[in-house]
Amino acid sequence: MTEVEVEAPEPLVASLRDAALLVCDHFGVERATMAVMVVTPEHMAEVNAEHRGKPTPTDVLSFPVDGPVVRDGWPGDGPPAELGDVLICPEAATDPLPTLAIHGTLHLLGFDHETDDGEMLDLQDQLVARLEARA
């Protein structure tokens, strides 16, 4: 089973975990771990400056660890994959936080909306609709 560690105020924990797990379940990702963290604008600006050269906060950043497990093919058997971390900054967000958790998790799985001709954002819309239908 995929484990999602969430570091966020308690009212947000379940919705962010559910959003990330929805993406993993959609792609049959099992035996994996990942983290979703809600961070301050200051922290996000530091990370964004360090990794993207942009010293301002942004809504979501993803940091894959074990590579694009969906794009490269889910390995199936073997040790749990370490998918990586998703950082979310509510103060910089224009989308709901669960949508950003979906977005970030798609990046951890190897999707990139800047290079895939809309595939990732289409998947994101489908997954957001599924999440909203559960509510």
Protein backbone atom coordinates (compact mmCIF):
# COMPACT_ATOMS: atom_id res chain seq x y z
CA MET A 1 0.00 0.00 0.00
CA THR A 2 1.20 3.50 -0.77
CA GLU A 3 1.90 5.62 2.29
CA VAL A 4 1.45 9.38 2.15
CA GLU A 5 2.93 11.40 4.98
CA VAL A 6 1.20 14.78 5.27
CA GLU A 7 2.68 17.71 7.16
CA ALA A 8 -0.15 20.23 7.31
CA PRO A 9 -2.67 21.72 9.70
CA GLU A 10 -4.97 18.92 10.87
CA PRO A 11 -8.05 20.06 8.91
CA LEU A 12 -6.09 19.62 5.65
CA VAL A 13 -4.41 16.28 6.29
CA ALA A 14 -7.17 13.92 5.12
CA SER A 15 -8.02 15.85 1.94
CA LEU A 16 -4.38 16.12 0.86
CA ARG A 17 -3.70 12.43 1.59
CA ASP A 18 -6.87 11.40 -0.28
CA ALA A 19 -5.87 13.48 -3.31
CA ALA A 20 -2.37 12.00 -3.50
CA LEU A 21 -3.65 8.45 -2.99
CA LEU A 22 -6.25 8.92 -5.73
CA VAL A 23 -3.46 9.57 -8.23
CA CYS A 24 -1.43 6.59 -7.03
CA ASP A 25 -4.47 4.31 -7.12
CA HIS A 26 -5.36 5.52 -10.63
CA PHE A 27 -1.98 4.31 -11.90
CA GLY A 28 -1.80 1.16 -9.78
CA VAL A 29 1.12 2.47 -7.76
CA GLU A 30 1.56 0.17 -4.77
CA ARG A 31 4.25 -0.16 -2.12
CA ALA A 32 5.40 3.42 -2.40
CA THR A 33 5.96 6.32 -0.04
CA MET A 34 5.69 10.06 -0.55
CA ALA A 35 5.17 13.24 1.42
CA VAL A 36 2.93 16.28 1.01
CA MET A 37 3.95 19.33 3.01
CA VAL A 38 2.18 22.65 3.47
CA VAL A 39 4.83 25.35 3.74
CA THR A 40 5.04 29.08 4.40
CA PRO A 41 5.55 31.60 1.60
CA GLU A 42 9.04 32.29 2.93
CA HIS A 43 10.02 28.63 2.83
CA MET A 44 8.53 28.18 -0.65
CA ALA A 45 10.39 31.27 -1.93
CA GLU A 46 13.69 29.84 -0.63
CA VAL A 47 13.09 26.46 -2.24
CA ASN A 48 11.86 28.02 -5.49
CA ALA A 49 14.96 30.24 -5.64
CA GLU A 50 17.29 27.32 -4.97
CA HIS A 51 15.75 24.90 -7.47
CA ARG A 52 14.21 27.11 -10.15
CA GLY A 53 16.04 30.40 -9.81
CA LYS A 54 12.82 32.24 -8.95
CA PRO A 55 12.99 33.92 -5.50
CA THR A 56 9.22 34.13 -5.05
CA PRO A 57 6.71 31.70 -3.59
CA THR A 58 4.81 29.46 -5.97
CA ASP A 59 1.75 27.30 -5.37
CA VAL A 60 3.28 23.81 -5.69
CA LEU A 61 6.67 22.20 -6.24
CA SER A 62 7.49 18.51 -6.62
CA PHE A 63 10.75 16.72 -5.96
CA PRO A 64 10.81 13.16 -7.37
CA VAL A 65 13.21 10.67 -5.80
CA ASP A 66 12.98 7.30 -7.55
CA GLY A 67 12.29 8.70 -11.01
CA PRO A 68 9.19 8.75 -13.15
CA VAL A 69 7.75 5.43 -12.01
CA VAL A 70 4.66 5.64 -14.22
CA ARG A 71 6.43 6.96 -17.32
CA ASP A 72 9.15 4.31 -16.99
CA GLY A 73 6.68 1.58 -16.08
CA TRP A 74 5.64 0.61 -12.58
CA PRO A 75 8.17 -1.97 -11.39
CA GLY A 76 5.58 -4.16 -9.67
CA ASP A 77 7.52 -6.46 -7.36
CA GLY A 78 10.42 -5.13 -5.40
CA PRO A 79 11.03 -2.70 -2.59
CA PRO A 80 8.69 0.25 -2.07
CA ALA A 81 9.41 3.19 -4.35
CA GLU A 82 10.22 6.53 -2.75
CA LEU A 83 8.14 8.83 -4.95
CA GLY A 84 9.33 12.09 -3.41
CA ASP A 85 7.94 15.25 -1.86
CA VAL A 86 5.24 17.73 -2.82
CA LEU A 87 5.40 21.21 -1.29
CA ILE A 88 2.25 23.36 -1.28
CA CYS A 89 2.02 27.03 -0.33
CA PRO A 90 -1.60 28.01 0.40
CA GLU A 91 -0.83 31.72 0.28
CA ALA A 92 0.41 31.41 -3.33
CA ALA A 93 -2.38 29.05 -4.42
CA THR A 94 -5.22 29.95 -6.74
CA ASP A 95 -6.43 26.35 -7.00
CA PRO A 96 -7.84 24.27 -4.14
CA LEU A 97 -5.09 22.53 -2.16
CA PRO A 98 -6.25 18.99 -3.05
CA THR A 99 -5.95 19.96 -6.73
CA LEU A 100 -2.37 21.02 -6.06
CA ALA A 101 -1.70 17.70 -4.30
CA ILE A 102 -2.95 15.91 -7.43
CA HIS A 103 -0.81 18.16 -9.63
CA GLY A 104 2.30 17.57 -7.55
CA THR A 105 1.76 13.82 -7.36
CA LEU A 106 1.43 13.63 -11.15
CA HIS A 107 4.83 15.31 -11.38
CA LEU A 108 6.28 12.72 -8.97
CA LEU A 109 5.01 9.99 -11.29
CA GLY A 110 6.77 11.49 -14.29
CA PHE A 111 4.23 13.79 -15.91
CA ASP A 112 5.24 17.27 -17.06
CA HIS A 113 2.66 19.76 -18.32
CA GLU A 114 5.39 21.87 -19.91
CA THR A 115 6.34 19.11 -22.37
CA ASP A 116 3.40 16.72 -22.76
CA ASP A 117 0.98 18.64 -25.00
CA GLY A 118 -1.73 18.89 -22.34
CA GLU A 119 -1.81 15.25 -21.22
CA MET A 120 -0.96 15.99 -17.59
CA LEU A 121 -3.49 18.78 -17.21
CA ASP A 122 -6.19 16.61 -18.82
CA LEU A 123 -5.38 13.83 -16.33
CA GLN A 124 -5.43 16.37 -13.52
CA ASP A 125 -8.91 17.55 -14.54
CA GLN A 126 -10.18 13.95 -14.66
CA LEU A 127 -8.74 13.15 -11.25
CA VAL A 128 -10.09 16.35 -9.69
CA ALA A 129 -13.55 15.45 -11.02
CA ARG A 130 -13.24 11.97 -9.48
CA LEU A 131 -12.16 13.46 -6.16
CA GLU A 132 -15.04 15.93 -6.17
CA ALA A 133 -17.51 13.15 -7.01
CA ARG A 134 -16.46 11.33 -3.83
CA ALA A 135 -17.33 14.33 -1.64
